[in-house]
């Protein structure tokens, strides 16, 4: 709700870049700094707020960038890339967590994504 309001007042690009910065910082914090369950829980709460905002802003940006005739193609590609990421991300994190440690598993998402 707040992300949508800020998207109207600012621009989608600013919201997306801000969310990427905050999400990068929270992944780094969660994988390198957080020591207790409470710290991890608060970190996940911050992540959930910015995930919703970036999803909303990216959809608005897609509608602004695409022609009216290409909306179906654009959102199809957008949906496909989201599904691939939803599969590849947990697979990568899970594999590296299994092979090395949980901190390495989450840190790779900071580096790659």
PDB file of N, CA and C in Angstrom:
ATOM      1  N   UNK A   1       0.817  -1.181   0.000  1.00  0.00           N
ATOM      2  CA  UNK A   1       0.000   0.000   0.000  1.00  0.00           C
ATOM      3  C   UNK A   1       0.867   1.255   0.000  1.00  0.00           C
ATOM      4  N   UNK A   2       1.866   1.271   0.859  1.00  0.00           N
ATOM      5  CA  UNK A   2       2.771   2.419   0.904  1.00  0.00           C
ATOM      6  C   UNK A   2       3.629   2.455  -0.357  1.00  0.00           C
ATOM      7  N   UNK A   3       4.038   1.270  -0.838  1.00  0.00           N
ATOM      8  CA  UNK A   3       4.831   1.215  -2.064  1.00  0.00           C
ATOM      9  C   UNK A   3       4.069   1.747  -3.262  1.00  0.00           C
ATOM     10  N   UNK A   4       2.759   1.446  -3.340  1.00  0.00           N
ATOM     11  CA  UNK A   4       1.943   1.968  -4.430  1.00  0.00           C
ATOM     12  C   UNK A   4       1.796   3.478  -4.364  1.00  0.00           C
ATOM     13  N   UNK A   5       1.639   4.001  -3.163  1.00  0.00           N
ATOM     14  CA  UNK A   5       1.546   5.456  -2.981  1.00  0.00           C
ATOM     15  C   UNK A   5       2.847   6.123  -3.416  1.00  0.00           C
ATOM     16  N   UNK A   6       3.971   5.565  -2.972  1.00  0.00           N
ATOM     17  CA  UNK A   6       5.261   6.128  -3.361  1.00  0.00           C
ATOM     18  C   UNK A   6       5.522   5.978  -4.851  1.00  0.00           C
ATOM     19  N   UNK A   7       5.009   4.902  -5.445  1.00  0.00           N
ATOM     20  CA  UNK A   7       5.146   4.709  -6.883  1.00  0.00           C
ATOM     21  C   UNK A   7       4.428   5.809  -7.648  1.00  0.00           C
ATOM     22  N   UNK A   8       3.277   6.243  -7.146  1.00  0.00           N
ATOM     23  CA  UNK A   8       2.552   7.340  -7.784  1.00  0.00           C
ATOM     24  C   UNK A   8       3.273   8.670  -7.604  1.00  0.00           C
ATOM     25  N   UNK A   9       3.834   8.890  -6.435  1.00  0.00           N
ATOM     26  CA  UNK A   9       4.499  10.170  -6.147  1.00  0.00           C
ATOM     27  C   UNK A   9       5.886  10.263  -6.775  1.00  0.00           C
ATOM     28  N   UNK A  10       6.609   9.183  -6.745  1.00  0.00           N
ATOM     29  CA  UNK A  10       7.955   9.157  -7.328  1.00  0.00           C
ATOM     30  C   UNK A  10       7.862   8.480  -8.688  1.00  0.00           C
ATOM     31  N   UNK A  11       8.746   7.592  -9.007  1.00  0.00           N
ATOM     32  CA  UNK A  11       8.647   6.833 -10.248  1.00  0.00           C
ATOM     33  C   UNK A  11       8.928   5.359  -9.956  1.00  0.00           C
ATOM     34  N   UNK A  12       8.516   4.516 -10.885  1.00  0.00           N
ATOM     35  CA  UNK A  12       8.746   3.077 -10.720  1.00  0.00           C
ATOM     36  C   UNK A  12      10.233   2.758 -10.652  1.00  0.00           C
ATOM     37  N   UNK A  13      11.018   3.473 -11.432  1.00  0.00           N
ATOM     38  CA  UNK A  13      12.453   3.217 -11.453  1.00  0.00           C
ATOM     39  C   UNK A  13      13.082   3.484 -10.092  1.00  0.00           C
ATOM     40  N   UNK A  14      12.703   4.574  -9.452  1.00  0.00           N
ATOM     41  CA  UNK A  14      13.255   4.904  -8.136  1.00  0.00           C
ATOM     42  C   UNK A  14      12.839   3.860  -7.105  1.00  0.00           C
ATOM     43  N   UNK A  15      11.576   3.432  -7.152  1.00  0.00           N
ATOM     44  CA  UNK A  15      11.091   2.420  -6.206  1.00  0.00           C
ATOM     45  C   UNK A  15      11.830   1.101  -6.418  1.00  0.00           C
ATOM     46  N   UNK A  16      11.992   0.696  -7.681  1.00  0.00           N
ATOM     47  CA  UNK A  16      12.674  -0.566  -7.974  1.00  0.00           C
ATOM     48  C   UNK A  16      14.126  -0.524  -7.514  1.00  0.00           C
ATOM     49  N   UNK A  17      14.837   0.550  -7.803  1.00  0.00           N
ATOM     50  CA  UNK A  17      16.237   0.657  -7.394  1.00  0.00           C
ATOM     51  C   UNK A  17      16.378   0.702  -5.874  1.00  0.00           C
ATOM     52  N   UNK A  18      15.466   1.398  -5.204  1.00  0.00           N
ATOM     53  CA  UNK A  18      15.489   1.434  -3.738  1.00  0.00           C
ATOM     54  C   UNK A  18      15.250   0.046  -3.164  1.00  0.00           C
ATOM     55  N   UNK A  19      14.266  -0.654  -3.711  1.00  0.00           N
ATOM     56  CA  UNK A  19      13.958  -2.006  -3.228  1.00  0.00           C
ATOM     57  C   UNK A  19      15.114  -2.965  -3.460  1.00  0.00           C
ATOM     58  N   UNK A  20      15.769  -2.856  -4.609  1.00  0.00           N
ATOM     59  CA  UNK A  20      16.927  -3.715  -4.877  1.00  0.00           C
ATOM     60  C   UNK A  20      18.038  -3.435  -3.866  1.00  0.00           C
ATOM     61  N   UNK A  21      18.265  -2.166  -3.569  1.00  0.00           N
ATOM     62  CA  UNK A  21      19.287  -1.815  -2.583  1.00  0.00           C
ATOM     63  C   UNK A  21      18.967  -2.353  -1.199  1.00  0.00           C
ATOM     64  N   UNK A  22      17.717  -2.195  -0.776  1.00  0.00           N
ATOM     65  CA  UNK A  22      17.320  -2.680   0.549  1.00  0.00           C
ATOM     66  C   UNK A  22      17.359  -4.207   0.594  1.00  0.00           C
ATOM     67  N   UNK A  23      16.874  -4.858  -0.446  1.00  0.00           N
ATOM     68  CA  UNK A  23      16.900  -6.325  -0.469  1.00  0.00           C
ATOM     69  C   UNK A  23      18.321  -6.865  -0.465  1.00  0.00           C
ATOM     70  N   UNK A  24      19.216  -6.206  -1.166  1.00  0.00           N
ATOM     71  CA  UNK A  24      20.620  -6.612  -1.161  1.00  0.00           C
ATOM     72  C   UNK A  24      21.202  -6.475   0.246  1.00  0.00           C
ATOM     73  N   UNK A  25      20.899  -5.365   0.900  1.00  0.00           N
ATOM     74  CA  UNK A  25      21.400  -5.153   2.262  1.00  0.00           C
ATOM     75  C   UNK A  25      20.820  -6.173   3.236  1.00  0.00           C
ATOM     76  N   UNK A  26      19.546  -6.511   3.090  1.00  0.00           N
ATOM     77  CA  UNK A  26      18.941  -7.467   4.020  1.00  0.00           C
ATOM     78  C   UNK A  26      19.476  -8.885   3.802  1.00  0.00           C
ATOM     79  N   UNK A  27      19.749  -9.244   2.559  1.00  0.00           N
ATOM     80  CA  UNK A  27      20.344 -10.559   2.301  1.00  0.00           C
ATOM     81  C   UNK A  27      21.746 -10.620   2.905  1.00  0.00           C
ATOM     82  N   UNK A  28      22.499  -9.554   2.721  1.00  0.00           N
ATOM     83  CA  UNK A  28      23.837  -9.507   3.323  1.00  0.00           C
ATOM     84  C   UNK A  28      23.744  -9.576   4.846  1.00  0.00           C
ATOM     85  N   UNK A  29      22.834  -8.811   5.423  1.00  0.00           N
ATOM     86  CA  UNK A  29      22.659  -8.809   6.879  1.00  0.00           C
ATOM     87  C   UNK A  29      22.237 -10.192   7.384  1.00  0.00           C
ATOM     88  N   UNK A  30      21.277 -10.787   6.695  1.00  0.00           N
ATOM     89  CA  UNK A  30      20.781 -12.089   7.121  1.00  0.00           C
ATOM     90  C   UNK A  30      21.806 -13.201   6.999  1.00  0.00           C
ATOM     91  N   UNK A  31      22.689 -13.076   6.029  1.00  0.00           N
ATOM     92  CA  UNK A  31      23.663 -14.158   5.829  1.00  0.00           C
ATOM     93  C   UNK A  31      24.975 -13.930   6.566  1.00  0.00           C
ATOM     94  N   UNK A  32      25.294 -12.702   6.917  1.00  0.00           N
ATOM     95  CA  UNK A  32      26.594 -12.439   7.529  1.00  0.00           C
ATOM     96  C   UNK A  32      26.516 -11.906   8.960  1.00  0.00           C
ATOM     97  N   UNK A  33      25.460 -11.198   9.319  1.00  0.00           N
ATOM     98  CA  UNK A  33      25.429 -10.498  10.594  1.00  0.00           C
ATOM     99  C   UNK A  33      24.465 -11.122  11.595  1.00  0.00           C
ATOM    100  N   UNK A  34      23.266 -11.464  11.156  1.00  0.00           N
ATOM    101  CA  UNK A  34      22.224 -11.942  12.071  1.00  0.00           C
ATOM    102  C   UNK A  34      22.678 -13.191  12.815  1.00  0.00           C
ATOM    103  N   UNK A  35      22.518 -13.168  14.144  1.00  0.00           N
ATOM    104  CA  UNK A  35      22.958 -14.274  14.975  1.00  0.00           C
ATOM    105  C   UNK A  35      21.807 -14.991  15.679  1.00  0.00           C
ATOM    106  N   UNK A  36      20.700 -14.294  15.899  1.00  0.00           N
ATOM    107  CA  UNK A  36      19.593 -14.889  16.649  1.00  0.00           C
ATOM    108  C   UNK A  36      18.372 -15.053  15.744  1.00  0.00           C
ATOM    109  N   UNK A  37      17.414 -15.826  16.233  1.00  0.00           N
ATOM    110  CA  UNK A  37      16.162 -16.010  15.492  1.00  0.00           C
ATOM    111  C   UNK A  37      15.389 -14.707  15.398  1.00  0.00           C
ATOM    112  N   UNK A  38      15.450 -13.890  16.427  1.00  0.00           N
ATOM    113  CA  UNK A  38      14.734 -12.609  16.418  1.00  0.00           C
ATOM    114  C   UNK A  38      15.293 -11.681  15.344  1.00  0.00           C
ATOM    115  N   UNK A  39      16.600 -11.593  15.237  1.00  0.00           N
ATOM    116  CA  UNK A  39      17.206 -10.770  14.187  1.00  0.00           C
ATOM    117  C   UNK A  39      16.815 -11.274  12.806  1.00  0.00           C
ATOM    118  N   UNK A  40      16.827 -12.569  12.633  1.00  0.00           N
ATOM    119  CA  UNK A  40      16.437 -13.157  11.352  1.00  0.00           C
ATOM    120  C   UNK A  40      14.969 -12.881  11.058  1.00  0.00           C
ATOM    121  N   UNK A  41      14.099 -12.969  12.068  1.00  0.00           N
ATOM    122  CA  UNK A  41      12.669 -12.710  11.901  1.00  0.00           C
ATOM    123  C   UNK A  41      12.422 -11.271  11.468  1.00  0.00           C
ATOM    124  N   UNK A  42      13.074 -10.311  12.116  1.00  0.00           N
ATOM    125  CA  UNK A  42      12.909  -8.912  11.718  1.00  0.00           C
ATOM    126  C   UNK A  42      13.452  -8.667  10.316  1.00  0.00           C
ATOM    127  N   UNK A  43      14.512  -9.329   9.978  1.00  0.00           N
ATOM    128  CA  UNK A  43      15.077  -9.211   8.634  1.00  0.00           C
ATOM    129  C   UNK A  43      14.082  -9.708   7.584  1.00  0.00           C
ATOM    130  N   UNK A  44      13.426 -10.823   7.864  1.00  0.00           N
ATOM    131  CA  UNK A  44      12.431 -11.362   6.933  1.00  0.00           C
ATOM    132  C   UNK A  44      11.228 -10.426   6.823  1.00  0.00           C
ATOM    133  N   UNK A  45      10.859  -9.760   7.907  1.00  0.00           N
ATOM    134  CA  UNK A  45       9.756  -8.793   7.845  1.00  0.00           C
ATOM    135  C   UNK A  45      10.097  -7.638   6.913  1.00  0.00           C
ATOM    136  N   UNK A  46      11.313  -7.147   6.973  1.00  0.00           N
ATOM    137  CA  UNK A  46      11.744  -6.067   6.070  1.00  0.00           C
ATOM    138  C   UNK A  46      11.748  -6.562   4.629  1.00  0.00           C
ATOM    139  N   UNK A  47      12.237  -7.766   4.407  1.00  0.00           N
ATOM    140  CA  UNK A  47      12.261  -8.340   3.067  1.00  0.00           C
ATOM    141  C   UNK A  47      10.851  -8.442   2.494  1.00  0.00           C
ATOM    142  N   UNK A  48       9.904  -8.909   3.302  1.00  0.00           N
ATOM    143  CA  UNK A  48       8.536  -9.082   2.792  1.00  0.00           C
ATOM    144  C   UNK A  48       7.904  -7.756   2.403  1.00  0.00           C
ATOM    145  N   UNK A  49       8.203  -6.693   3.110  1.00  0.00           N
ATOM    146  CA  UNK A  49       7.666  -5.381   2.756  1.00  0.00           C
ATOM    147  C   UNK A  49       8.198  -4.922   1.397  1.00  0.00           C
ATOM    148  N   UNK A  50       9.486  -5.088   1.175  1.00  0.00           N
ATOM    149  CA  UNK A  50      10.076  -4.597  -0.063  1.00  0.00           C
ATOM    150  C   UNK A  50       9.841  -5.524  -1.249  1.00  0.00           C
ATOM    151  N   UNK A  51       9.590  -6.804  -1.018  1.00  0.00           N
ATOM    152  CA  UNK A  51       9.254  -7.713  -2.121  1.00  0.00           C
ATOM    153  C   UNK A  51       7.926  -7.294  -2.747  1.00  0.00           C
ATOM    154  N   UNK A  52       6.941  -6.988  -1.927  1.00  0.00           N
ATOM    155  CA  UNK A  52       5.646  -6.549  -2.450  1.00  0.00           C
ATOM    156  C   UNK A  52       5.758  -5.250  -3.223  1.00  0.00           C
ATOM    157  N   UNK A  53       6.549  -4.334  -2.708  1.00  0.00           N
ATOM    158  CA  UNK A  53       6.718  -3.038  -3.372  1.00  0.00           C
ATOM    159  C   UNK A  53       7.416  -3.175  -4.712  1.00  0.00           C
ATOM    160  N   UNK A  54       8.432  -4.019  -4.782  1.00  0.00           N
ATOM    161  CA  UNK A  54       9.159  -4.168  -6.046  1.00  0.00           C
ATOM    162  C   UNK A  54       8.298  -4.898  -7.081  1.00  0.00           C
ATOM    163  N   UNK A  55       7.474  -5.827  -6.633  1.00  0.00           N
ATOM    164  CA  UNK A  55       6.591  -6.526  -7.568  1.00  0.00           C
ATOM    165  C   UNK A  55       5.571  -5.557  -8.165  1.00  0.00           C
ATOM    166  N   UNK A  56       4.989  -4.740  -7.336  1.00  0.00           N
ATOM    167  CA  UNK A  56       4.003  -3.769  -7.809  1.00  0.00           C
ATOM    168  C   UNK A  56       4.642  -2.747  -8.747  1.00  0.00           C
ATOM    169  N   UNK A  57       5.777  -2.212  -8.362  1.00  0.00           N
ATOM    170  CA  UNK A  57       6.444  -1.199  -9.187  1.00  0.00           C
ATOM    171  C   UNK A  57       6.918  -1.781 -10.516  1.00  0.00           C
ATOM    172  N   UNK A  58       7.358  -3.029 -10.524  1.00  0.00           N
ATOM    173  CA  UNK A  58       7.825  -3.618 -11.778  1.00  0.00           C
ATOM    174  C   UNK A  58       6.677  -3.849 -12.749  1.00  0.00           C
ATOM    175  N   UNK A  59       5.502  -4.200 -12.235  1.00  0.00           N
ATOM    176  CA  UNK A  59       4.338  -4.359 -13.116  1.00  0.00           C
ATOM    177  C   UNK A  59       3.903  -3.021 -13.709  1.00  0.00           C
ATOM    178  N   UNK A  60       3.938  -1.975 -12.900  1.00  0.00           N
ATOM    179  CA  UNK A  60       3.599  -0.645 -13.412  1.00  0.00           C
ATOM    180  C   UNK A  60       4.610  -0.211 -14.461  1.00  0.00           C
ATOM    181  N   UNK A  61       5.884  -0.471 -14.204  1.00  0.00           N
ATOM    182  CA  UNK A  61       6.920  -0.107 -15.174  1.00  0.00           C
ATOM    183  C   UNK A  61       6.757  -0.881 -16.477  1.00  0.00           C
ATOM    184  N   UNK A  62       6.369  -2.149 -16.382  1.00  0.00           N
ATOM    185  CA  UNK A  62       6.141  -2.954 -17.594  1.00  0.00           C
ATOM    186  C   UNK A  62       5.016  -2.346 -18.442  1.00  0.00           C
ATOM    187  N   UNK A  63       3.936  -1.934 -17.814  1.00  0.00           N
ATOM    188  CA  UNK A  63       2.832  -1.360 -18.585  1.00  0.00           C
ATOM    189  C   UNK A  63       3.224  -0.032 -19.218  1.00  0.00           C
ATOM    190  N   UNK A  64       4.129   0.710 -18.582  1.00  0.00           N
ATOM    191  CA  UNK A  64       4.573   1.976 -19.151  1.00  0.00           C
ATOM    192  C   UNK A  64       5.567   1.777 -20.290  1.00  0.00           C
ATOM    193  N   UNK A  65       6.334   0.702 -20.256  1.00  0.00           N
ATOM    194  CA  UNK A  65       7.358   0.482 -21.280  1.00  0.00           C
ATOM    195  C   UNK A  65       6.836  -0.212 -22.533  1.00  0.00           C
ATOM    196  N   UNK A  66       5.780  -0.996 -22.405  1.00  0.00           N
ATOM    197  CA  UNK A  66       5.287  -1.785 -23.534  1.00  0.00           C
ATOM    198  C   UNK A  66       4.219  -1.046 -24.325  1.00  0.00           C
ATOM    199  N   UNK A  67       4.165  -1.351 -25.623  1.00  0.00           N
ATOM    200  CA  UNK A  67       3.062  -0.873 -26.455  1.00  0.00           C
ATOM    201  C   UNK A  67       1.792  -1.633 -26.085  1.00  0.00           C
ATOM    202  N   UNK A  68       0.647  -1.058 -26.400  1.00  0.00           N
ATOM    203  CA  UNK A  68      -0.614  -1.737 -26.084  1.00  0.00           C
ATOM    204  C   UNK A  68      -0.740  -3.067 -26.817  1.00  0.00           C
ATOM    205  N   UNK A  69      -0.163  -3.177 -28.003  1.00  0.00           N
ATOM    206  CA  UNK A  69      -0.242  -4.421 -28.777  1.00  0.00           C
ATOM    207  C   UNK A  69       0.680  -5.517 -28.242  1.00  0.00           C
ATOM    208  N   UNK A  70       1.706  -5.127 -27.477  1.00  0.00           N
ATOM    209  CA  UNK A  70       2.690  -6.087 -26.991  1.00  0.00           C
ATOM    210  C   UNK A  70       2.538  -6.423 -25.518  1.00  0.00           C
ATOM    211  N   UNK A  71       1.455  -6.018 -24.881  1.00  0.00           N
ATOM    212  CA  UNK A  71       1.283  -6.271 -23.451  1.00  0.00           C
ATOM    213  C   UNK A  71       1.253  -7.764 -23.132  1.00  0.00           C
ATOM    214  N   UNK A  72       0.572  -8.550 -23.952  1.00  0.00           N
ATOM    215  CA  UNK A  72       0.506  -9.995 -23.715  1.00  0.00           C
ATOM    216  C   UNK A  72       1.871 -10.660 -23.805  1.00  0.00           C
ATOM    217  N   UNK A  73       2.637 -10.285 -24.829  1.00  0.00           N
ATOM    218  CA  UNK A  73       3.984 -10.850 -24.987  1.00  0.00           C
ATOM    219  C   UNK A  73       4.891 -10.428 -23.831  1.00  0.00           C
ATOM    220  N   UNK A  74       4.830  -9.160 -23.485  1.00  0.00           N
ATOM    221  CA  UNK A  74       5.692  -8.643 -22.422  1.00  0.00           C
ATOM    222  C   UNK A  74       5.405  -9.281 -21.073  1.00  0.00           C
ATOM    223  N   UNK A  75       4.116  -9.377 -20.727  1.00  0.00           N
ATOM    224  CA  UNK A  75       3.778  -9.983 -19.444  1.00  0.00           C
ATOM    225  C   UNK A  75       3.959 -11.491 -19.462  1.00  0.00           C
ATOM    226  N   UNK A  76       3.879 -12.106 -20.633  1.00  0.00           N
ATOM    227  CA  UNK A  76       4.203 -13.533 -20.737  1.00  0.00           C
ATOM    228  C   UNK A  76       5.670 -13.786 -20.435  1.00  0.00           C
ATOM    229  N   UNK A  77       6.541 -12.953 -21.019  1.00  0.00           N
ATOM    230  CA  UNK A  77       7.975 -13.067 -20.744  1.00  0.00           C
ATOM    231  C   UNK A  77       8.271 -12.737 -19.282  1.00  0.00           C
ATOM    232  N   UNK A  78       7.578 -11.735 -18.747  1.00  0.00           N
ATOM    233  CA  UNK A  78       7.743 -11.350 -17.348  1.00  0.00           C
ATOM    234  C   UNK A  78       7.358 -12.503 -16.424  1.00  0.00           C
ATOM    235  N   UNK A  79       6.260 -13.171 -16.736  1.00  0.00           N
ATOM    236  CA  UNK A  79       5.811 -14.312 -15.938  1.00  0.00           C
ATOM    237  C   UNK A  79       6.782 -15.485 -16.061  1.00  0.00           C
ATOM    238  N   UNK A  80       7.255 -15.739 -17.270  1.00  0.00           N
ATOM    239  CA  UNK A  80       8.203 -16.835 -17.493  1.00  0.00           C
ATOM    240  C   UNK A  80       9.501 -16.613 -16.719  1.00  0.00           C
ATOM    241  N   UNK A  81      10.015 -15.392 -16.766  1.00  0.00           N
ATOM    242  CA  UNK A  81      11.261 -15.113 -16.038  1.00  0.00           C
ATOM    243  C   UNK A  81      11.064 -15.254 -14.536  1.00  0.00           C
ATOM    244  N   UNK A  82       9.889 -14.891 -14.043  1.00  0.00           N
ATOM    245  CA  UNK A  82       9.597 -15.074 -12.622  1.00  0.00           C
ATOM    246  C   UNK A  82       9.542 -16.531 -12.230  1.00  0.00           C
ATOM    247  N   UNK A  83       8.972 -17.357 -13.094  1.00  0.00           N
ATOM    248  CA  UNK A  83       8.894 -18.792 -12.798  1.00  0.00           C
ATOM    249  C   UNK A  83      10.276 -19.445 -12.842  1.00  0.00           C
ATOM    250  N   UNK A  84      11.107 -19.041 -13.779  1.00  0.00           N
ATOM    251  CA  UNK A  84      12.458 -19.592 -13.849  1.00  0.00           C
ATOM    252  C   UNK A  84      13.247 -19.188 -12.601  1.00  0.00           C
ATOM    253  N   UNK A  85      13.122 -17.945 -12.201  1.00  0.00           N
ATOM    254  CA  UNK A  85      13.814 -17.474 -10.999  1.00  0.00           C
ATOM    255  C   UNK A  85      13.307 -18.183  -9.756  1.00  0.00           C
ATOM    256  N   UNK A  86      11.993 -18.421  -9.689  1.00  0.00           N
ATOM    257  CA  UNK A  86      11.409 -19.118  -8.537  1.00  0.00           C
ATOM    258  C   UNK A  86      11.909 -20.555  -8.439  1.00  0.00           C
ATOM    259  N   UNK A  87      12.305 -21.135  -9.544  1.00  0.00           N
ATOM    260  CA  UNK A  87      12.856 -22.494  -9.545  1.00  0.00           C
ATOM    261  C   UNK A  87      14.358 -22.476  -9.307  1.00  0.00           C
ATOM    262  N   UNK A  88      15.071 -21.610 -10.018  1.00  0.00           N
ATOM    263  CA  UNK A  88      16.531 -21.613  -9.961  1.00  0.00           C
ATOM    264  C   UNK A  88      17.066 -21.091  -8.625  1.00  0.00           C
ATOM    265  N   UNK A  89      16.417 -20.096  -8.046  1.00  0.00           N
ATOM    266  CA  UNK A  89      16.898 -19.523  -6.788  1.00  0.00           C
ATOM    267  C   UNK A  89      16.915 -20.518  -5.644  1.00  0.00           C
ATOM    268  N   UNK A  90      15.763 -21.118  -5.310  1.00  0.00           N
ATOM    269  CA  UNK A  90      15.773 -22.098  -4.217  1.00  0.00           C
ATOM    270  C   UNK A  90      16.654 -23.313  -4.500  1.00  0.00           C
ATOM    271  N   UNK A  91      16.731 -23.718  -5.757  1.00  0.00           N
ATOM    272  CA  UNK A  91      17.597 -24.845  -6.097  1.00  0.00           C
ATOM    273  C   UNK A  91      19.056 -24.510  -5.809  1.00  0.00           C
ATOM    274  N   UNK A  92      19.476 -23.320  -6.197  1.00  0.00           N
ATOM    275  CA  UNK A  92      20.851 -22.895  -5.957  1.00  0.00           C
ATOM    276  C   UNK A  92      21.137 -22.755  -4.466  1.00  0.00           C
ATOM    277  N   UNK A  93      20.238 -22.055  -3.750  1.00  0.00           N
ATOM    278  CA  UNK A  93      20.430 -21.854  -2.315  1.00  0.00           C
ATOM    279  C   UNK A  93      20.420 -23.191  -1.579  1.00  0.00           C
ATOM    280  N   UNK A  94      19.482 -24.062  -1.919  1.00  0.00           N
ATOM    281  CA  UNK A  94      19.406 -25.364  -1.264  1.00  0.00           C
ATOM    282  C   UNK A  94      20.624 -26.233  -1.514  1.00  0.00           C
ATOM    283  N   UNK A  95      21.097 -26.233  -2.740  1.00  0.00           N
ATOM    284  CA  UNK A  95      22.271 -27.042  -3.082  1.00  0.00           C
ATOM    285  C   UNK A  95      23.508 -26.542  -2.342  1.00  0.00           C
ATOM    286  N   UNK A  96      23.720 -25.223  -2.346  1.00  0.00           N
ATOM    287  CA  UNK A  96      24.895 -24.683  -1.665  1.00  0.00           C
ATOM    288  C   UNK A  96      24.781 -24.808  -0.152  1.00  0.00           C
ATOM    289  N   UNK A  97      23.576 -24.714   0.382  1.00  0.00           N
ATOM    290  CA  UNK A  97      23.391 -24.931   1.812  1.00  0.00           C
ATOM    291  C   UNK A  97      23.713 -26.374   2.174  1.00  0.00           C
ATOM    292  N   UNK A  98      23.272 -27.299   1.357  1.00  0.00           N
ATOM    293  CA  UNK A  98      23.554 -28.718   1.603  1.00  0.00           C
ATOM    294  C   UNK A  98      25.047 -29.011   1.518  1.00  0.00           C
ATOM    295  N   UNK A  99      25.708 -28.447   0.497  1.00  0.00           N
ATOM    296  CA  UNK A  99      27.118 -28.746   0.281  1.00  0.00           C
ATOM    297  C   UNK A  99      28.048 -28.002   1.238  1.00  0.00           C
ATOM    298  N   UNK A 100      27.723 -26.772   1.586  1.00  0.00           N
ATOM    299  CA  UNK A 100      28.638 -25.951   2.387  1.00  0.00           C
ATOM    300  C   UNK A 100      28.002 -25.559   3.718  1.00  0.00           C
ATOM    301  N   UNK A 101      27.235 -24.477   3.717  1.00  0.00           N
ATOM    302  CA  UNK A 101      26.580 -24.022   4.946  1.00  0.00           C
ATOM    303  C   UNK A 101      25.429 -23.096   4.562  1.00  0.00           C
ATOM    304  N   UNK A 102      24.605 -22.772   5.555  1.00  0.00           N
ATOM    305  CA  UNK A 102      23.466 -21.899   5.302  1.00  0.00           C
ATOM    306  C   UNK A 102      23.920 -20.492   4.926  1.00  0.00           C
ATOM    307  N   UNK A 103      24.961 -20.017   5.539  1.00  0.00           N
ATOM    308  CA  UNK A 103      25.460 -18.667   5.223  1.00  0.00           C
ATOM    309  C   UNK A 103      25.962 -18.590   3.777  1.00  0.00           C
ATOM    310  N   UNK A 104      26.652 -19.608   3.323  1.00  0.00           N
ATOM    311  CA  UNK A 104      27.125 -19.636   1.929  1.00  0.00           C
ATOM    312  C   UNK A 104      25.930 -19.721   0.982  1.00  0.00           C
ATOM    313  N   UNK A 105      24.938 -20.514   1.342  1.00  0.00           N
ATOM    314  CA  UNK A 105      23.762 -20.662   0.494  1.00  0.00           C
ATOM    315  C   UNK A 105      23.032 -19.359   0.269  1.00  0.00           C
ATOM    316  N   UNK A 106      22.837 -18.578   1.337  1.00  0.00           N
ATOM    317  CA  UNK A 106      22.151 -17.304   1.187  1.00  0.00           C
ATOM    318  C   UNK A 106      23.056 -16.226   0.609  1.00  0.00           C
ATOM    319  N   UNK A 107      24.339 -16.314   0.864  1.00  0.00           N
ATOM    320  CA  UNK A 107      25.264 -15.307   0.344  1.00  0.00           C
ATOM    321  C   UNK A 107      25.366 -15.388  -1.178  1.00  0.00           C
ATOM    322  N   UNK A 108      25.186 -16.565  -1.750  1.00  0.00           N
ATOM    323  CA  UNK A 108      25.270 -16.680  -3.216  1.00  0.00           C
ATOM    324  C   UNK A 108      24.139 -15.898  -3.888  1.00  0.00           C
ATOM    325  N   UNK A 109      22.975 -15.804  -3.248  1.00  0.00           N
ATOM    326  CA  UNK A 109      21.894 -15.009  -3.826  1.00  0.00           C
ATOM    327  C   UNK A 109      22.240 -13.529  -3.795  1.00  0.00           C
ATOM    328  N   UNK A 110      23.034 -13.101  -2.832  1.00  0.00           N
ATOM    329  CA  UNK A 110      23.514 -11.728  -2.777  1.00  0.00           C
ATOM    330  C   UNK A 110      24.456 -11.447  -3.938  1.00  0.00           C
ATOM    331  N   UNK A 111      25.287 -12.388  -4.272  1.00  0.00           N
ATOM    332  CA  UNK A 111      26.278 -12.208  -5.328  1.00  0.00           C
ATOM    333  C   UNK A 111      25.652 -12.347  -6.714  1.00  0.00           C
ATOM    334  N   UNK A 112      24.831 -13.373  -6.925  1.00  0.00           N
ATOM    335  CA  UNK A 112      24.313 -13.681  -8.258  1.00  0.00           C
ATOM    336  C   UNK A 112      23.119 -12.813  -8.635  1.00  0.00           C
ATOM    337  N   UNK A 113      22.144 -12.759  -7.768  1.00  0.00           N
ATOM    338  CA  UNK A 113      20.910 -12.059  -8.126  1.00  0.00           C
ATOM    339  C   UNK A 113      20.971 -10.608  -7.789  1.00  0.00           C
TER     340      UNK A 113
END
